[in-house]
Amino acid sequence: MKINRQKTLGSCATAFVGAALLVTTAVTVGAAQAQASLSSSHKTANSFTVTIPGSNKGTLPVAYTCDGQSLSPALTWVGAPKGTASYAIVMDHVPPDGGHHWYLLEWGIPVGTRAIPAGSTTSGVLGGNSVNRDIGYAPPCSKGPGSKTYTITVYALSATPALPTSSSASVTRDQLLSAISGITLSKAVLDVTYTR
């Protein structure tokens, strides 16, 4: 029996190309699925957000400064991760000469909380501030010209931090951050600006 060698080789080549295309397609689909999974995970990880109701284009409303009523900001947050047991809040600012000024420290905020009204002093336990070293909120009152940036961070915690259960001016920013460092699940960060 006479075999057409050229035809046989052509069939083998066609089969090889077909197999290669199948492998390439499988790899492409797999890579796309992996990328979609990563994108989904990234989106989930960054879904925890905090806002100031009534803030205009990222500015700190004057009511929350020394030029207004000196109220602590109203805050609303969404997207806290599963396993959150409580929240903590820090509002701070990095001055031109470095270091940190802090205006609000709060912890022990119940897990069911999704918003804090302006001027609230009962949502959690309050620490001191670096402005007047007193308990609770100190409003920004910049002495220098130009826009200043203030950062509000809401921490989703897996437990209640080992800090006083009553408000205390002796608790500093560093002490609060140290107490929550091992129990922070995620954080929502909001930068706002104010110009005097």
C-alpha atoms as a PDB file:
ATOM      1  CA  MET A   1       0.000   0.000   0.000  1.00  0.00           C
ATOM      2  CA  LYS A   2       1.417   3.398  -1.017  1.00  0.00           C
ATOM      3  CA  ILE A   3       1.266   6.152   1.614  1.00  0.00           C
ATOM      4  CA  ASN A   4       1.080   9.792   0.608  1.00  0.00           C
ATOM      5  CA  ARG A   5       3.883  11.097   2.881  1.00  0.00           C
ATOM      6  CA  GLN A   6       3.233  14.766   2.123  1.00  0.00           C
ATOM      7  CA  LYS A   7      -0.449  14.435   2.958  1.00  0.00           C
ATOM      8  CA  THR A   8       0.379  12.626   6.216  1.00  0.00           C
ATOM      9  CA  LEU A   9       2.857  15.323   7.250  1.00  0.00           C
ATOM     10  CA  GLY A  10       0.316  18.018   6.433  1.00  0.00           C
ATOM     11  CA  SER A  11      -2.305  16.348   8.614  1.00  0.00           C
ATOM     12  CA  CYS A  12       0.164  16.075  11.521  1.00  0.00           C
ATOM     13  CA  ALA A  13       1.081  19.739  11.197  1.00  0.00           C
ATOM     14  CA  THR A  14      -2.570  20.736  11.181  1.00  0.00           C
ATOM     15  CA  ALA A  15      -3.229  18.643  14.277  1.00  0.00           C
ATOM     16  CA  PHE A  16      -0.204  20.200  16.041  1.00  0.00           C
ATOM     17  CA  VAL A  17      -1.327  23.742  15.240  1.00  0.00           C
ATOM     18  CA  GLY A  18      -4.824  22.928  16.449  1.00  0.00           C
ATOM     19  CA  ALA A  19      -3.497  21.560  19.729  1.00  0.00           C
ATOM     20  CA  ALA A  20      -1.278  24.614  20.161  1.00  0.00           C
ATOM     21  CA  LEU A  21      -4.245  26.904  19.614  1.00  0.00           C
ATOM     22  CA  LEU A  22      -6.248  24.999  22.206  1.00  0.00           C
ATOM     23  CA  VAL A  23      -3.407  25.317  24.736  1.00  0.00           C
ATOM     24  CA  THR A  24      -2.990  29.041  23.955  1.00  0.00           C
ATOM     25  CA  THR A  25      -6.728  29.603  24.343  1.00  0.00           C
ATOM     26  CA  ALA A  26      -6.769  27.748  27.657  1.00  0.00           C
ATOM     27  CA  VAL A  27      -3.818  29.760  28.951  1.00  0.00           C
ATOM     28  CA  THR A  28      -5.409  33.035  27.796  1.00  0.00           C
ATOM     29  CA  VAL A  29      -8.725  32.189  29.434  1.00  0.00           C
ATOM     30  CA  GLY A  30      -6.954  31.092  32.607  1.00  0.00           C
ATOM     31  CA  ALA A  31      -4.930  34.297  32.743  1.00  0.00           C
ATOM     32  CA  ALA A  32      -8.057  36.384  32.174  1.00  0.00           C
ATOM     33  CA  GLN A  33      -9.853  34.553  34.973  1.00  0.00           C
ATOM     34  CA  ALA A  34      -6.892  35.034  37.308  1.00  0.00           C
ATOM     35  CA  GLN A  35      -6.739  38.736  36.458  1.00  0.00           C
ATOM     36  CA  ALA A  36     -10.468  39.079  37.054  1.00  0.00           C
ATOM     37  CA  SER A  37     -10.059  37.355  40.413  1.00  0.00           C
ATOM     38  CA  LEU A  38      -7.232  39.705  41.383  1.00  0.00           C
ATOM     39  CA  SER A  39      -9.239  42.727  40.272  1.00  0.00           C
ATOM     40  CA  SER A  40     -12.199  41.537  42.319  1.00  0.00           C
ATOM     41  CA  SER A  41     -10.001  40.997  45.385  1.00  0.00           C
ATOM     42  CA  HIS A  42      -8.421  44.431  44.934  1.00  0.00           C
ATOM     43  CA  LYS A  43     -11.830  46.026  44.641  1.00  0.00           C
ATOM     44  CA  THR A  44     -13.048  44.258  47.782  1.00  0.00           C
ATOM     45  CA  ALA A  45      -9.944  45.248  49.721  1.00  0.00           C
ATOM     46  CA  ASN A  46     -10.462  48.923  48.814  1.00  0.00           C
ATOM     47  CA  SER A  47     -14.240  49.069  49.320  1.00  0.00           C
ATOM     48  CA  PHE A  48     -13.929  50.457  52.878  1.00  0.00           C
ATOM     49  CA  THR A  49     -14.427  54.222  52.506  1.00  0.00           C
ATOM     50  CA  VAL A  50     -15.206  57.213  54.728  1.00  0.00           C
ATOM     51  CA  THR A  51     -16.812  60.526  53.779  1.00  0.00           C
ATOM     52  CA  ILE A  52     -17.792  63.835  55.388  1.00  0.00           C
ATOM     53  CA  PRO A  53     -21.410  64.615  54.468  1.00  0.00           C
ATOM     54  CA  GLY A  54     -21.623  68.064  52.938  1.00  0.00           C
ATOM     55  CA  SER A  55     -17.924  68.299  52.102  1.00  0.00           C
ATOM     56  CA  ASN A  56     -17.386  70.206  48.857  1.00  0.00           C
ATOM     57  CA  LYS A  57     -14.650  68.798  46.605  1.00  0.00           C
ATOM     58  CA  GLY A  58     -12.614  67.412  49.474  1.00  0.00           C
ATOM     59  CA  THR A  59     -12.634  70.524  51.634  1.00  0.00           C
ATOM     60  CA  LEU A  60     -13.147  70.536  55.395  1.00  0.00           C
ATOM     61  CA  PRO A  61     -16.374  72.446  56.130  1.00  0.00           C
ATOM     62  CA  VAL A  62     -15.719  75.625  58.109  1.00  0.00           C
ATOM     63  CA  ALA A  63     -18.033  74.414  60.916  1.00  0.00           C
ATOM     64  CA  TYR A  64     -15.337  71.914  61.873  1.00  0.00           C
ATOM     65  CA  THR A  65     -12.580  74.528  62.243  1.00  0.00           C
ATOM     66  CA  CYS A  66     -11.793  77.314  64.703  1.00  0.00           C
ATOM     67  CA  ASP A  67     -13.312  79.747  62.187  1.00  0.00           C
ATOM     68  CA  GLY A  68     -16.696  78.049  62.636  1.00  0.00           C
ATOM     69  CA  GLN A  69     -18.373  76.133  65.457  1.00  0.00           C
ATOM     70  CA  SER A  70     -15.302  73.985  66.247  1.00  0.00           C
ATOM     71  CA  LEU A  71     -17.384  70.806  65.957  1.00  0.00           C
ATOM     72  CA  SER A  72     -15.822  67.425  65.335  1.00  0.00           C
ATOM     73  CA  PRO A  73     -16.628  66.300  61.775  1.00  0.00           C
ATOM     74  CA  ALA A  74     -19.697  64.273  60.908  1.00  0.00           C
ATOM     75  CA  LEU A  75     -18.486  61.018  59.349  1.00  0.00           C
ATOM     76  CA  THR A  76     -20.092  58.216  57.379  1.00  0.00           C
ATOM     77  CA  TRP A  77     -18.397  54.988  56.314  1.00  0.00           C
ATOM     78  CA  VAL A  78     -19.246  51.860  54.328  1.00  0.00           C
ATOM     79  CA  GLY A  79     -17.578  48.600  53.303  1.00  0.00           C
ATOM     80  CA  ALA A  80     -15.944  47.472  56.528  1.00  0.00           C
ATOM     81  CA  PRO A  81     -14.514  43.948  56.208  1.00  0.00           C
ATOM     82  CA  LYS A  82     -16.031  40.804  57.646  1.00  0.00           C
ATOM     83  CA  GLY A  83     -14.861  40.167  61.194  1.00  0.00           C
ATOM     84  CA  THR A  84     -14.908  43.822  62.253  1.00  0.00           C
ATOM     85  CA  ALA A  85     -15.621  44.078  65.980  1.00  0.00           C
ATOM     86  CA  SER A  86     -15.133  47.803  66.594  1.00  0.00           C
ATOM     87  CA  TYR A  87     -13.772  50.997  65.060  1.00  0.00           C
ATOM     88  CA  ALA A  88     -11.194  53.640  65.908  1.00  0.00           C
ATOM     89  CA  ILE A  89     -10.697  57.095  64.384  1.00  0.00           C
ATOM     90  CA  VAL A  90      -7.659  59.343  64.030  1.00  0.00           C
ATOM     91  CA  MET A  91      -7.616  62.833  62.525  1.00  0.00           C
ATOM     92  CA  ASP A  92      -4.144  64.233  62.038  1.00  0.00           C
ATOM     93  CA  HIS A  93      -1.926  66.537  59.998  1.00  0.00           C
ATOM     94  CA  VAL A  94       1.742  66.549  59.016  1.00  0.00           C
ATOM     95  CA  PRO A  95       3.141  70.088  59.408  1.00  0.00           C
ATOM     96  CA  PRO A  96       5.956  71.402  57.166  1.00  0.00           C
ATOM     97  CA  ASP A  97       8.552  70.741  59.861  1.00  0.00           C
ATOM     98  CA  GLY A  98       7.518  67.074  60.138  1.00  0.00           C
ATOM     99  CA  GLY A  99       6.011  65.068  62.959  1.00  0.00           C
ATOM    100  CA  HIS A 100       2.260  64.871  63.503  1.00  0.00           C
ATOM    101  CA  HIS A 101      -0.413  67.084  64.954  1.00  0.00           C
ATOM    102  CA  TRP A 102      -3.559  65.230  65.918  1.00  0.00           C
ATOM    103  CA  TYR A 103      -7.015  66.649  66.462  1.00  0.00           C
ATOM    104  CA  LEU A 104      -9.156  63.630  67.252  1.00  0.00           C
ATOM    105  CA  LEU A 105      -8.565  60.177  68.721  1.00  0.00           C
ATOM    106  CA  GLU A 106     -11.465  57.822  69.282  1.00  0.00           C
ATOM    107  CA  TRP A 107     -11.789  54.088  69.853  1.00  0.00           C
ATOM    108  CA  GLY A 108     -14.272  51.564  71.222  1.00  0.00           C
ATOM    109  CA  ILE A 109     -16.811  52.601  68.574  1.00  0.00           C
ATOM    110  CA  PRO A 110     -19.428  49.809  68.340  1.00  0.00           C
ATOM    111  CA  VAL A 111     -19.377  47.576  65.267  1.00  0.00           C
ATOM    112  CA  GLY A 112     -22.927  48.566  64.306  1.00  0.00           C
ATOM    113  CA  THR A 113     -21.919  52.208  63.879  1.00  0.00           C
ATOM    114  CA  ARG A 114     -21.909  53.516  60.304  1.00  0.00           C
ATOM    115  CA  ALA A 115     -22.081  57.257  60.978  1.00  0.00           C
ATOM    116  CA  ILE A 116     -21.065  59.761  63.626  1.00  0.00           C
ATOM    117  CA  PRO A 117     -22.878  63.102  63.899  1.00  0.00           C
ATOM    118  CA  ALA A 118     -21.032  66.407  64.049  1.00  0.00           C
ATOM    119  CA  GLY A 119     -19.874  67.307  67.528  1.00  0.00           C
ATOM    120  CA  SER A 120     -20.447  63.815  68.909  1.00  0.00           C
ATOM    121  CA  THR A 121     -18.732  62.954  72.193  1.00  0.00           C
ATOM    122  CA  THR A 122     -20.528  59.693  72.942  1.00  0.00           C
ATOM    123  CA  SER A 123     -19.832  57.503  69.903  1.00  0.00           C
ATOM    124  CA  GLY A 124     -16.762  55.950  71.498  1.00  0.00           C
ATOM    125  CA  VAL A 125     -13.951  56.608  73.953  1.00  0.00           C
ATOM    126  CA  LEU A 126     -11.980  59.813  73.374  1.00  0.00           C
ATOM    127  CA  GLY A 127      -8.264  60.419  73.733  1.00  0.00           C
ATOM    128  CA  GLY A 128      -6.289  63.638  73.924  1.00  0.00           C
ATOM    129  CA  ASN A 129      -5.222  65.988  71.152  1.00  0.00           C
ATOM    130  CA  SER A 130      -1.897  67.672  70.469  1.00  0.00           C
ATOM    131  CA  VAL A 131      -3.351  71.191  70.262  1.00  0.00           C
ATOM    132  CA  ASN A 132      -4.510  71.869  73.810  1.00  0.00           C
ATOM    133  CA  ARG A 133      -3.732  68.451  75.351  1.00  0.00           C
ATOM    134  CA  ASP A 134      -7.351  68.149  76.437  1.00  0.00           C
ATOM    135  CA  ILE A 135      -9.849  65.322  75.930  1.00  0.00           C
ATOM    136  CA  GLY A 136     -11.669  65.200  72.620  1.00  0.00           C
ATOM    137  CA  TYR A 137     -11.616  67.203  69.418  1.00  0.00           C
ATOM    138  CA  ALA A 138      -9.488  70.274  68.800  1.00  0.00           C
ATOM    139  CA  PRO A 139     -10.450  72.106  65.587  1.00  0.00           C
ATOM    140  CA  PRO A 140      -7.776  72.953  63.004  1.00  0.00           C
ATOM    141  CA  CYS A 141      -6.689  76.573  63.405  1.00  0.00           C
ATOM    142  CA  SER A 142      -3.713  77.008  61.122  1.00  0.00           C
ATOM    143  CA  LYS A 143      -1.505  80.010  61.792  1.00  0.00           C
ATOM    144  CA  GLY A 144       0.224  79.837  58.433  1.00  0.00           C
ATOM    145  CA  PRO A 145      -1.153  80.905  55.041  1.00  0.00           C
ATOM    146  CA  GLY A 146      -2.258  78.546  52.287  1.00  0.00           C
ATOM    147  CA  SER A 147      -4.123  75.278  52.082  1.00  0.00           C
ATOM    148  CA  LYS A 148      -3.503  72.599  54.696  1.00  0.00           C
ATOM    149  CA  THR A 149      -4.317  68.898  54.387  1.00  0.00           C
ATOM    150  CA  TYR A 150      -5.908  66.944  57.233  1.00  0.00           C
ATOM    151  CA  THR A 151      -6.237  63.174  57.200  1.00  0.00           C
ATOM    152  CA  ILE A 152      -9.158  61.307  58.752  1.00  0.00           C
ATOM    153  CA  THR A 153      -8.655  57.561  59.132  1.00  0.00           C
ATOM    154  CA  VAL A 154     -11.290  55.084  60.284  1.00  0.00           C
ATOM    155  CA  TYR A 155      -9.815  51.748  61.379  1.00  0.00           C
ATOM    156  CA  ALA A 156     -11.839  48.532  61.262  1.00  0.00           C
ATOM    157  CA  LEU A 157     -10.637  46.418  64.174  1.00  0.00           C
ATOM    158  CA  SER A 158     -10.990  42.724  64.962  1.00  0.00           C
ATOM    159  CA  ALA A 159     -11.220  43.474  68.693  1.00  0.00           C
ATOM    160  CA  THR A 160     -11.445  46.334  71.165  1.00  0.00           C
ATOM    161  CA  PRO A 161      -7.978  47.816  71.798  1.00  0.00           C
ATOM    162  CA  ALA A 162      -6.346  47.521  75.196  1.00  0.00           C
ATOM    163  CA  LEU A 163      -6.853  51.170  76.112  1.00  0.00           C
ATOM    164  CA  PRO A 164      -8.818  52.983  78.828  1.00  0.00           C
ATOM    165  CA  THR A 165     -12.566  52.415  78.698  1.00  0.00           C
ATOM    166  CA  SER A 166     -13.166  56.011  79.787  1.00  0.00           C
ATOM    167  CA  SER A 167     -12.048  59.070  77.851  1.00  0.00           C
ATOM    168  CA  SER A 168      -8.535  60.162  78.772  1.00  0.00           C
ATOM    169  CA  ALA A 169      -6.340  63.044  77.648  1.00  0.00           C
ATOM    170  CA  SER A 170      -3.283  60.936  78.436  1.00  0.00           C
ATOM    171  CA  VAL A 171      -3.817  58.680  75.401  1.00  0.00           C
ATOM    172  CA  THR A 172      -1.721  59.944  72.489  1.00  0.00           C
ATOM    173  CA  ARG A 173      -1.797  59.230  68.775  1.00  0.00           C
ATOM    174  CA  ASP A 174       1.209  56.928  69.028  1.00  0.00           C
ATOM    175  CA  GLN A 175      -0.352  54.989  71.906  1.00  0.00           C
ATOM    176  CA  LEU A 176      -3.589  54.470  69.999  1.00  0.00           C
ATOM    177  CA  LEU A 177      -1.811  53.363  66.805  1.00  0.00           C
ATOM    178  CA  SER A 178       0.363  50.976  68.810  1.00  0.00           C
ATOM    179  CA  ALA A 179      -2.688  49.484  70.550  1.00  0.00           C
ATOM    180  CA  ILE A 180      -4.491  48.784  67.266  1.00  0.00           C
ATOM    181  CA  SER A 181      -1.499  47.732  65.152  1.00  0.00           C
ATOM    182  CA  GLY A 182      -2.115  44.022  65.665  1.00  0.00           C
ATOM    183  CA  ILE A 183      -5.915  44.108  65.346  1.00  0.00           C
ATOM    184  CA  THR A 184      -6.438  46.350  62.309  1.00  0.00           C
ATOM    185  CA  LEU A 185      -8.331  44.571  59.519  1.00  0.00           C
ATOM    186  CA  SER A 186      -8.587  47.534  57.168  1.00  0.00           C
ATOM    187  CA  LYS A 187      -8.663  51.313  57.168  1.00  0.00           C
ATOM    188  CA  ALA A 188     -10.593  53.987  55.290  1.00  0.00           C
ATOM    189  CA  VAL A 189      -8.608  57.163  54.652  1.00  0.00           C
ATOM    190  CA  LEU A 190      -9.951  60.595  53.726  1.00  0.00           C
ATOM    191  CA  ASP A 191      -7.785  63.665  53.017  1.00  0.00           C
ATOM    192  CA  VAL A 192      -9.510  67.034  53.314  1.00  0.00           C
ATOM    193  CA  THR A 193      -8.131  70.531  52.873  1.00  0.00           C
ATOM    194  CA  TYR A 194      -8.811  73.851  54.519  1.00  0.00           C
ATOM    195  CA  THR A 195      -7.551  77.328  53.677  1.00  0.00           C
ATOM    196  CA  ARG A 196      -7.766  80.233  56.075  1.00  0.00           C
END
